[in-house]
N, C-alpha and C. Protein backbone atom coordinates (compact mmCIF):
# COMPACT_ATOMS: atom_id res chain seq x y z
N MET A 1 -24.13 -7.61 -4.83
CA MET A 1 -24.34 -6.19 -4.74
C MET A 1 -24.73 -5.61 -6.09
N GLU A 2 -24.15 -6.10 -7.13
CA GLU A 2 -24.46 -5.57 -8.45
C GLU A 2 -25.89 -5.88 -8.84
N ARG A 3 -26.42 -6.99 -8.37
CA ARG A 3 -27.80 -7.34 -8.68
C ARG A 3 -28.77 -6.43 -7.92
N ASP A 4 -28.39 -6.04 -6.68
CA ASP A 4 -29.26 -5.18 -5.89
C ASP A 4 -29.36 -3.79 -6.49
N ASN A 5 -28.27 -3.27 -6.99
CA ASN A 5 -28.25 -1.93 -7.56
C ASN A 5 -27.55 -1.98 -8.92
N PRO A 6 -28.30 -2.10 -10.01
CA PRO A 6 -27.67 -2.24 -11.33
C PRO A 6 -26.96 -0.98 -11.79
N HIS A 7 -27.17 0.16 -11.11
CA HIS A 7 -26.53 1.41 -11.51
C HIS A 7 -25.12 1.55 -10.95
N LYS A 8 -24.74 0.71 -10.01
CA LYS A 8 -23.39 0.78 -9.44
C LYS A 8 -22.41 0.12 -10.39
N ARG A 9 -21.28 0.78 -10.59
CA ARG A 9 -20.20 0.23 -11.42
C ARG A 9 -18.92 0.26 -10.60
N LYS A 10 -17.93 -0.47 -11.05
CA LYS A 10 -16.65 -0.52 -10.37
C LYS A 10 -15.66 0.38 -11.10
N PHE A 11 -14.83 1.09 -10.33
CA PHE A 11 -13.84 1.99 -10.90
C PHE A 11 -12.47 1.65 -10.33
N LEU A 12 -11.45 1.79 -11.15
CA LEU A 12 -10.08 1.49 -10.76
C LEU A 12 -9.28 2.79 -10.81
N PHE A 13 -8.53 3.08 -9.74
CA PHE A 13 -7.73 4.29 -9.65
C PHE A 13 -6.27 3.91 -9.39
N ASN A 14 -5.35 4.62 -10.03
CA ASN A 14 -3.92 4.49 -9.75
C ASN A 14 -3.50 5.73 -8.99
N VAL A 15 -2.98 5.54 -7.77
CA VAL A 15 -2.61 6.68 -6.93
C VAL A 15 -1.23 6.45 -6.32
N ASP A 16 -0.58 7.55 -5.97
CA ASP A 16 0.64 7.52 -5.17
C ASP A 16 0.28 8.09 -3.82
N ILE A 17 0.61 7.39 -2.75
CA ILE A 17 0.27 7.81 -1.40
C ILE A 17 1.55 7.93 -0.59
N MET A 18 1.74 9.05 0.08
CA MET A 18 2.92 9.23 0.93
C MET A 18 2.47 9.19 2.39
N ILE A 19 3.09 8.30 3.17
CA ILE A 19 2.79 8.17 4.58
C ILE A 19 4.08 8.37 5.35
N GLU A 20 4.05 9.26 6.32
CA GLU A 20 5.23 9.54 7.13
C GLU A 20 5.16 8.71 8.41
N ASP A 21 6.22 7.94 8.66
CA ASP A 21 6.29 7.11 9.86
C ASP A 21 7.74 6.80 10.15
N GLU A 22 8.00 6.05 11.22
CA GLU A 22 9.36 5.75 11.65
C GLU A 22 10.10 4.86 10.67
N THR A 23 9.41 3.86 10.13
CA THR A 23 10.03 2.91 9.20
C THR A 23 9.07 2.62 8.06
N ASN A 24 9.60 2.00 7.01
CA ASN A 24 8.77 1.61 5.88
C ASN A 24 7.73 0.58 6.32
N GLY A 25 8.11 -0.33 7.21
CA GLY A 25 7.18 -1.36 7.69
C GLY A 25 6.00 -0.76 8.43
N ARG A 26 6.27 0.24 9.27
CA ARG A 26 5.19 0.90 10.01
C ARG A 26 4.29 1.71 9.07
N ALA A 27 4.90 2.36 8.08
CA ALA A 27 4.11 3.10 7.10
C ALA A 27 3.24 2.14 6.29
N LEU A 28 3.79 0.98 5.93
CA LEU A 28 3.03 -0.03 5.20
C LEU A 28 1.86 -0.52 6.05
N GLU A 29 2.10 -0.73 7.32
CA GLU A 29 1.03 -1.18 8.22
C GLU A 29 -0.08 -0.13 8.29
N THR A 30 0.28 1.15 8.37
CA THR A 30 -0.71 2.23 8.38
C THR A 30 -1.51 2.23 7.09
N LEU A 31 -0.83 2.08 5.95
CA LEU A 31 -1.51 2.03 4.67
C LEU A 31 -2.49 0.87 4.61
N LEU A 32 -2.06 -0.29 5.08
CA LEU A 32 -2.94 -1.47 5.03
C LEU A 32 -4.17 -1.27 5.91
N HIS A 33 -3.99 -0.59 7.05
CA HIS A 33 -5.15 -0.28 7.90
C HIS A 33 -6.14 0.61 7.15
N LEU A 34 -5.62 1.59 6.42
CA LEU A 34 -6.48 2.50 5.66
C LEU A 34 -7.20 1.79 4.51
N LEU A 35 -6.52 0.85 3.87
CA LEU A 35 -7.09 0.19 2.70
C LEU A 35 -8.08 -0.91 3.04
N ASN A 36 -7.99 -1.47 4.23
CA ASN A 36 -8.86 -2.58 4.60
C ASN A 36 -10.16 -2.07 5.21
N THR A 37 -10.99 -1.53 4.35
CA THR A 37 -12.32 -1.07 4.74
C THR A 37 -13.33 -1.72 3.82
N LYS A 38 -14.59 -1.59 4.18
CA LYS A 38 -15.65 -2.19 3.36
C LYS A 38 -15.82 -1.46 2.03
N LEU A 39 -15.41 -0.20 1.97
CA LEU A 39 -15.56 0.57 0.73
C LEU A 39 -14.56 0.14 -0.34
N ILE A 40 -13.40 -0.31 0.07
CA ILE A 40 -12.37 -0.72 -0.88
C ILE A 40 -12.48 -2.23 -1.07
N GLU A 41 -12.89 -2.63 -2.25
CA GLU A 41 -13.13 -4.04 -2.53
C GLU A 41 -11.83 -4.83 -2.64
N ASP A 42 -10.83 -4.26 -3.30
CA ASP A 42 -9.56 -4.95 -3.50
C ASP A 42 -8.49 -3.90 -3.78
N TYR A 43 -7.25 -4.25 -3.58
CA TYR A 43 -6.15 -3.35 -3.86
C TYR A 43 -4.90 -4.15 -4.17
N GLN A 44 -3.94 -3.49 -4.77
CA GLN A 44 -2.66 -4.13 -5.11
C GLN A 44 -1.56 -3.11 -4.88
N ILE A 45 -0.60 -3.45 -4.02
CA ILE A 45 0.54 -2.58 -3.77
C ILE A 45 1.64 -2.99 -4.74
N LYS A 46 1.95 -2.09 -5.68
CA LYS A 46 2.87 -2.44 -6.75
C LYS A 46 4.30 -2.06 -6.45
N GLN A 47 4.53 -1.07 -5.59
CA GLN A 47 5.90 -0.71 -5.24
C GLN A 47 5.89 0.04 -3.93
N GLY A 48 7.07 0.17 -3.33
CA GLY A 48 7.20 0.87 -2.06
C GLY A 48 7.41 -0.05 -0.88
N VAL A 49 7.18 -1.36 -1.05
CA VAL A 49 7.41 -2.31 0.03
C VAL A 49 8.91 -2.55 0.13
N GLU A 50 9.48 -2.18 1.26
CA GLU A 50 10.92 -2.32 1.43
C GLU A 50 11.28 -3.41 2.45
N LEU A 51 10.36 -4.30 2.73
CA LEU A 51 10.64 -5.38 3.66
C LEU A 51 11.61 -6.37 3.02
N GLY A 52 12.53 -6.87 3.78
CA GLY A 52 13.50 -7.83 3.27
C GLY A 52 14.71 -7.19 2.62
N LYS A 53 14.84 -5.87 2.68
CA LYS A 53 15.97 -5.19 2.04
C LYS A 53 17.29 -5.52 2.75
N ARG A 54 17.26 -5.67 4.07
CA ARG A 54 18.48 -6.02 4.80
C ARG A 54 19.01 -7.38 4.36
N ILE A 55 18.08 -8.28 4.10
CA ILE A 55 18.47 -9.61 3.64
C ILE A 55 19.12 -9.51 2.27
N GLU A 56 18.51 -8.71 1.37
CA GLU A 56 19.07 -8.53 0.04
C GLU A 56 20.46 -7.92 0.10
N VAL A 57 20.64 -6.91 0.96
CA VAL A 57 21.95 -6.27 1.09
C VAL A 57 22.98 -7.27 1.62
N ALA A 58 22.57 -8.07 2.60
CA ALA A 58 23.49 -9.07 3.15
C ALA A 58 23.87 -10.10 2.11
N LEU A 59 22.89 -10.53 1.31
CA LEU A 59 23.18 -11.52 0.28
C LEU A 59 24.06 -10.93 -0.81
N ASN A 60 23.78 -9.68 -1.22
CA ASN A 60 24.59 -9.04 -2.26
C ASN A 60 25.99 -8.75 -1.76
N GLY A 61 26.14 -8.43 -0.49
CA GLY A 61 27.45 -8.14 0.08
C GLY A 61 28.32 -9.38 0.18
N SER A 62 27.67 -10.54 0.36
CA SER A 62 28.44 -11.76 0.48
C SER A 62 28.54 -12.53 -0.83
N ALA A 63 28.06 -11.92 -1.91
CA ALA A 63 28.11 -12.59 -3.21
C ALA A 63 29.57 -12.83 -3.61
N ILE A 64 29.78 -13.92 -4.30
CA ILE A 64 31.13 -14.29 -4.73
C ILE A 64 31.53 -13.42 -5.90
N LYS A 65 32.65 -12.78 -5.76
CA LYS A 65 33.15 -11.91 -6.82
C LYS A 65 34.19 -12.66 -7.63
N LYS A 66 34.16 -12.44 -8.92
CA LYS A 66 35.10 -13.10 -9.81
C LYS A 66 36.49 -12.50 -9.60
N ILE A 67 37.45 -13.36 -9.35
CA ILE A 67 38.83 -12.92 -9.11
C ILE A 67 39.70 -13.49 -10.22
N GLU A 68 40.50 -12.62 -10.80
CA GLU A 68 41.41 -13.04 -11.86
C GLU A 68 42.59 -13.78 -11.22
N ILE A 69 42.86 -15.00 -11.67
CA ILE A 69 43.92 -15.82 -11.11
C ILE A 69 45.16 -15.66 -11.98
N PRO A 70 46.30 -15.30 -11.34
CA PRO A 70 47.54 -15.21 -12.12
C PRO A 70 47.91 -16.58 -12.68
N THR A 71 48.72 -16.61 -13.74
CA THR A 71 49.07 -17.87 -14.40
C THR A 71 49.84 -18.80 -13.49
N GLU A 72 50.60 -18.28 -12.52
CA GLU A 72 51.34 -19.16 -11.59
C GLU A 72 50.40 -19.91 -10.66
N ALA A 73 49.26 -19.31 -10.29
CA ALA A 73 48.33 -19.94 -9.36
C ALA A 73 47.50 -21.02 -10.03
N LYS A 74 47.47 -21.07 -11.34
CA LYS A 74 46.68 -22.07 -12.04
C LYS A 74 47.27 -23.47 -11.92
N THR A 75 48.41 -23.60 -11.35
CA THR A 75 49.03 -24.91 -11.21
C THR A 75 48.46 -25.71 -10.05
N ALA A 76 47.58 -25.14 -9.24
CA ALA A 76 47.00 -25.86 -8.11
C ALA A 76 45.49 -26.00 -8.26
N PRO A 77 45.00 -26.70 -9.30
CA PRO A 77 43.56 -26.82 -9.50
C PRO A 77 42.89 -27.71 -8.47
N ALA A 78 43.60 -28.63 -7.83
CA ALA A 78 42.98 -29.52 -6.86
C ALA A 78 42.47 -28.73 -5.66
N LEU A 79 43.16 -27.74 -5.21
CA LEU A 79 42.71 -26.93 -4.09
C LEU A 79 41.47 -26.11 -4.46
N ASN A 80 41.43 -25.58 -5.67
CA ASN A 80 40.28 -24.78 -6.09
C ASN A 80 39.01 -25.63 -6.18
N LYS A 81 39.10 -26.88 -6.60
CA LYS A 81 37.92 -27.74 -6.71
C LYS A 81 37.36 -28.07 -5.34
N LYS A 82 38.22 -28.27 -4.34
CA LYS A 82 37.74 -28.60 -2.99
C LYS A 82 37.00 -27.41 -2.38
N ASN A 83 37.47 -26.21 -2.59
CA ASN A 83 36.87 -25.03 -1.99
C ASN A 83 35.62 -24.55 -2.74
N SER A 84 35.44 -24.93 -3.98
CA SER A 84 34.34 -24.41 -4.78
C SER A 84 32.98 -24.89 -4.28
N LYS A 85 32.88 -26.07 -3.68
CA LYS A 85 31.60 -26.56 -3.19
C LYS A 85 31.07 -25.72 -2.05
N ALA A 86 31.92 -25.24 -1.18
CA ALA A 86 31.48 -24.44 -0.04
C ALA A 86 31.03 -23.05 -0.47
N GLU A 87 31.44 -22.56 -1.63
CA GLU A 87 31.12 -21.21 -2.05
C GLU A 87 29.99 -21.15 -3.07
N GLU A 88 29.27 -22.24 -3.31
CA GLU A 88 28.21 -22.24 -4.30
C GLU A 88 27.05 -21.37 -3.83
N PRO A 89 26.48 -20.54 -4.70
CA PRO A 89 25.35 -19.70 -4.31
C PRO A 89 24.06 -20.51 -4.19
N TYR A 90 23.01 -19.86 -3.70
CA TYR A 90 21.70 -20.46 -3.53
C TYR A 90 21.13 -20.88 -4.89
N HIS A 91 20.69 -22.14 -5.00
CA HIS A 91 20.11 -22.65 -6.25
C HIS A 91 18.64 -22.97 -6.00
N PRO A 92 17.71 -22.18 -6.54
CA PRO A 92 16.30 -22.46 -6.31
C PRO A 92 15.83 -23.77 -6.92
N GLU A 93 16.53 -24.29 -7.93
CA GLU A 93 16.12 -25.55 -8.54
C GLU A 93 16.19 -26.71 -7.54
N SER A 94 17.11 -26.62 -6.57
CA SER A 94 17.27 -27.70 -5.60
C SER A 94 16.42 -27.48 -4.36
N ASP A 95 15.65 -26.42 -4.28
CA ASP A 95 14.82 -26.10 -3.12
C ASP A 95 13.62 -27.06 -3.08
N PRO A 96 13.42 -27.78 -1.96
CA PRO A 96 12.28 -28.69 -1.88
C PRO A 96 10.94 -27.95 -1.81
N HIS A 97 10.97 -26.66 -1.48
CA HIS A 97 9.75 -25.87 -1.37
C HIS A 97 9.51 -25.02 -2.61
N LYS A 98 10.18 -25.31 -3.72
CA LYS A 98 10.12 -24.47 -4.93
C LYS A 98 8.68 -24.27 -5.40
N HIS A 99 7.89 -25.33 -5.43
CA HIS A 99 6.50 -25.23 -5.89
C HIS A 99 5.68 -24.31 -4.98
N ILE A 100 5.89 -24.41 -3.68
CA ILE A 100 5.17 -23.57 -2.72
C ILE A 100 5.57 -22.11 -2.90
N TRP A 101 6.87 -21.86 -3.09
CA TRP A 101 7.34 -20.48 -3.29
C TRP A 101 6.69 -19.88 -4.53
N GLU A 102 6.62 -20.65 -5.60
CA GLU A 102 6.02 -20.14 -6.84
C GLU A 102 4.55 -19.80 -6.65
N GLN A 103 3.83 -20.66 -5.89
CA GLN A 103 2.42 -20.39 -5.62
C GLN A 103 2.27 -19.14 -4.76
N MET A 104 3.12 -19.00 -3.74
CA MET A 104 3.06 -17.83 -2.86
C MET A 104 3.35 -16.54 -3.64
N MET A 105 4.29 -16.60 -4.59
CA MET A 105 4.58 -15.43 -5.42
C MET A 105 3.39 -15.07 -6.30
N THR A 106 2.69 -16.09 -6.81
CA THR A 106 1.48 -15.85 -7.61
C THR A 106 0.39 -15.22 -6.74
N PHE A 107 0.23 -15.73 -5.51
CA PHE A 107 -0.75 -15.16 -4.59
C PHE A 107 -0.41 -13.70 -4.30
N GLN A 108 0.88 -13.40 -4.14
CA GLN A 108 1.32 -12.04 -3.87
C GLN A 108 0.99 -11.13 -5.06
N GLN A 109 1.33 -11.57 -6.26
CA GLN A 109 1.10 -10.75 -7.46
C GLN A 109 -0.38 -10.50 -7.70
N ASN A 110 -1.22 -11.48 -7.40
CA ASN A 110 -2.67 -11.36 -7.63
C ASN A 110 -3.40 -10.80 -6.41
N ASN A 111 -2.67 -10.55 -5.33
CA ASN A 111 -3.25 -10.04 -4.07
C ASN A 111 -4.37 -10.97 -3.59
N THR A 112 -4.13 -12.27 -3.67
CA THR A 112 -5.12 -13.29 -3.34
C THR A 112 -5.27 -13.44 -1.83
N LEU A 113 -6.50 -13.54 -1.37
CA LEU A 113 -6.78 -13.81 0.03
C LEU A 113 -6.66 -15.31 0.26
N ILE A 114 -5.80 -15.71 1.20
CA ILE A 114 -5.62 -17.13 1.52
C ILE A 114 -5.72 -17.32 3.03
N ARG A 115 -5.97 -18.55 3.43
CA ARG A 115 -5.98 -18.90 4.86
C ARG A 115 -4.83 -19.87 5.09
N LEU A 116 -3.88 -19.44 5.92
CA LEU A 116 -2.73 -20.27 6.25
C LEU A 116 -2.99 -21.00 7.55
N SER A 117 -2.64 -22.28 7.59
CA SER A 117 -2.63 -23.04 8.84
C SER A 117 -1.19 -23.08 9.29
N ILE A 118 -0.91 -22.45 10.44
CA ILE A 118 0.45 -22.26 10.94
C ILE A 118 0.65 -23.11 12.17
N VAL A 119 1.82 -23.75 12.27
CA VAL A 119 2.20 -24.47 13.48
C VAL A 119 3.42 -23.76 14.05
N LYS A 120 3.21 -23.07 15.19
CA LYS A 120 4.28 -22.33 15.85
C LYS A 120 4.99 -23.26 16.84
N GLY A 121 5.93 -22.70 17.57
CA GLY A 121 6.67 -23.48 18.56
C GLY A 121 5.76 -24.12 19.59
N LYS A 122 6.17 -25.24 20.11
CA LYS A 122 5.43 -26.02 21.11
C LYS A 122 4.08 -26.52 20.59
N GLY A 123 3.94 -26.64 19.26
CA GLY A 123 2.75 -27.22 18.67
C GLY A 123 1.53 -26.31 18.64
N ILE A 124 1.70 -25.02 18.85
CA ILE A 124 0.58 -24.08 18.82
C ILE A 124 0.13 -23.90 17.38
N LYS A 125 -1.18 -24.15 17.13
CA LYS A 125 -1.72 -24.04 15.77
C LYS A 125 -2.54 -22.76 15.62
N LEU A 126 -2.35 -22.09 14.49
CA LEU A 126 -3.06 -20.86 14.19
C LEU A 126 -3.68 -20.97 12.81
N SER A 127 -4.84 -20.35 12.63
CA SER A 127 -5.47 -20.25 11.33
C SER A 127 -5.51 -18.77 11.00
N MET A 128 -4.88 -18.38 9.88
CA MET A 128 -4.66 -16.97 9.60
C MET A 128 -5.17 -16.59 8.21
N PRO A 129 -6.28 -15.81 8.13
CA PRO A 129 -6.69 -15.28 6.83
C PRO A 129 -5.76 -14.11 6.48
N CYS A 130 -5.09 -14.18 5.35
CA CYS A 130 -4.07 -13.17 5.08
C CYS A 130 -3.83 -12.96 3.59
N ARG A 131 -3.04 -11.93 3.31
CA ARG A 131 -2.54 -11.65 1.97
C ARG A 131 -1.02 -11.66 2.05
N ILE A 132 -0.38 -12.14 0.99
CA ILE A 132 1.08 -12.21 0.95
C ILE A 132 1.62 -10.83 0.60
N ILE A 133 2.55 -10.33 1.42
CA ILE A 133 3.18 -9.04 1.16
C ILE A 133 4.50 -9.25 0.42
N SER A 134 5.33 -10.16 0.95
CA SER A 134 6.60 -10.42 0.28
C SER A 134 7.01 -11.87 0.49
N VAL A 135 7.79 -12.37 -0.44
CA VAL A 135 8.27 -13.75 -0.45
C VAL A 135 9.78 -13.71 -0.63
N ASP A 136 10.52 -14.42 0.24
CA ASP A 136 11.98 -14.45 0.16
C ASP A 136 12.47 -15.89 0.28
N PRO A 137 12.54 -16.62 -0.84
CA PRO A 137 12.98 -18.01 -0.80
C PRO A 137 14.39 -18.20 -0.25
N ALA A 138 15.28 -17.23 -0.48
CA ALA A 138 16.67 -17.37 -0.04
C ALA A 138 16.76 -17.48 1.48
N SER A 139 15.93 -16.72 2.20
CA SER A 139 15.97 -16.78 3.66
C SER A 139 14.89 -17.70 4.23
N GLY A 140 13.96 -18.13 3.39
CA GLY A 140 12.89 -19.01 3.86
C GLY A 140 11.77 -18.24 4.54
N ASN A 141 11.69 -16.91 4.32
CA ASN A 141 10.70 -16.08 4.99
C ASN A 141 9.55 -15.69 4.07
N LEU A 142 8.41 -15.48 4.72
CA LEU A 142 7.20 -15.07 4.04
C LEU A 142 6.58 -13.98 4.91
N THR A 143 6.33 -12.80 4.35
CA THR A 143 5.70 -11.71 5.10
C THR A 143 4.24 -11.65 4.67
N VAL A 144 3.34 -11.72 5.66
CA VAL A 144 1.91 -11.75 5.38
C VAL A 144 1.18 -10.68 6.18
N TYR A 145 0.04 -10.25 5.65
CA TYR A 145 -0.83 -9.30 6.35
C TYR A 145 -2.07 -10.04 6.81
N HIS A 146 -2.28 -10.13 8.12
CA HIS A 146 -3.43 -10.78 8.72
C HIS A 146 -4.63 -9.84 8.57
N VAL A 147 -5.63 -10.22 7.75
CA VAL A 147 -6.72 -9.31 7.42
C VAL A 147 -7.68 -9.06 8.57
N ASP A 148 -7.78 -9.98 9.52
CA ASP A 148 -8.67 -9.78 10.67
C ASP A 148 -8.01 -8.92 11.73
N GLU A 149 -6.78 -9.26 12.09
CA GLU A 149 -6.06 -8.52 13.13
C GLU A 149 -5.42 -7.23 12.61
N LYS A 150 -5.31 -7.12 11.28
CA LYS A 150 -4.68 -5.96 10.63
C LYS A 150 -3.26 -5.77 11.14
N LYS A 151 -2.52 -6.89 11.15
CA LYS A 151 -1.12 -6.88 11.56
C LYS A 151 -0.28 -7.60 10.51
N VAL A 152 1.01 -7.27 10.47
CA VAL A 152 1.94 -7.90 9.55
C VAL A 152 2.76 -8.93 10.32
N TYR A 153 2.90 -10.13 9.75
CA TYR A 153 3.64 -11.20 10.38
C TYR A 153 4.75 -11.70 9.44
N LEU A 154 5.86 -12.08 10.04
CA LEU A 154 6.96 -12.71 9.31
C LEU A 154 6.96 -14.18 9.69
N LEU A 155 6.79 -15.05 8.69
CA LEU A 155 6.70 -16.49 8.92
C LEU A 155 7.85 -17.22 8.22
N LYS A 156 8.25 -18.34 8.77
CA LYS A 156 9.18 -19.24 8.11
C LYS A 156 8.35 -20.24 7.29
N ILE A 157 8.88 -20.66 6.17
CA ILE A 157 8.14 -21.57 5.29
C ILE A 157 7.82 -22.89 5.99
N ASN A 158 8.69 -23.32 6.90
CA ASN A 158 8.44 -24.59 7.59
C ASN A 158 7.38 -24.48 8.68
N GLU A 159 6.89 -23.27 8.99
CA GLU A 159 5.80 -23.09 9.94
C GLU A 159 4.44 -23.28 9.28
N ILE A 160 4.39 -23.25 7.95
CA ILE A 160 3.12 -23.36 7.22
C ILE A 160 2.77 -24.83 7.06
N ASP A 161 1.63 -25.20 7.65
CA ASP A 161 1.17 -26.58 7.58
C ASP A 161 0.29 -26.79 6.35
N ASP A 162 -0.57 -25.81 6.05
CA ASP A 162 -1.50 -25.93 4.93
C ASP A 162 -1.98 -24.53 4.56
N TYR A 163 -2.56 -24.40 3.36
CA TYR A 163 -3.16 -23.13 2.96
C TYR A 163 -4.34 -23.39 2.04
N VAL A 164 -5.33 -22.49 2.13
CA VAL A 164 -6.56 -22.60 1.34
C VAL A 164 -6.80 -21.24 0.69
N ILE A 165 -7.18 -21.25 -0.58
CA ILE A 165 -7.47 -20.01 -1.31
C ILE A 165 -8.92 -19.63 -1.05
N HIS A 166 -9.15 -18.35 -0.72
CA HIS A 166 -10.53 -17.86 -0.49
C HIS A 166 -11.05 -17.17 -1.70
């Protein structure tokens, strides 16, 4: 396009947009519909996405709180060691999908268009051109925006068979 019309230049605008809807997810969907036009070459949503907040609240609510142990209770360390394994928090270093999560977060930050190959239940295969909206390694969820259907999907990491960068 730039070769066809050398007088055209690209401009970048920072705006705040307020959309009234039933939920943040529905408002986000409306915004994405508005932004996905031929006139808008690219965009980046920097804040306002509230997807996955329930998961964060649940995780924060169940977080292990430090409890001060009286000196009399310190005489039973064998019981404390047995129970400590069951209460260990999520460790991303031990996640087998750590590399994939890091790539998905990079795609999200750069607003990269990717094509996911998805395998749903009963072996149904889908090819989805999309942008990453949010990544939640703790729950294993990935929220994506399907650019053709203009819909938001919540996927599990184990449903992703392959992905290609466009």
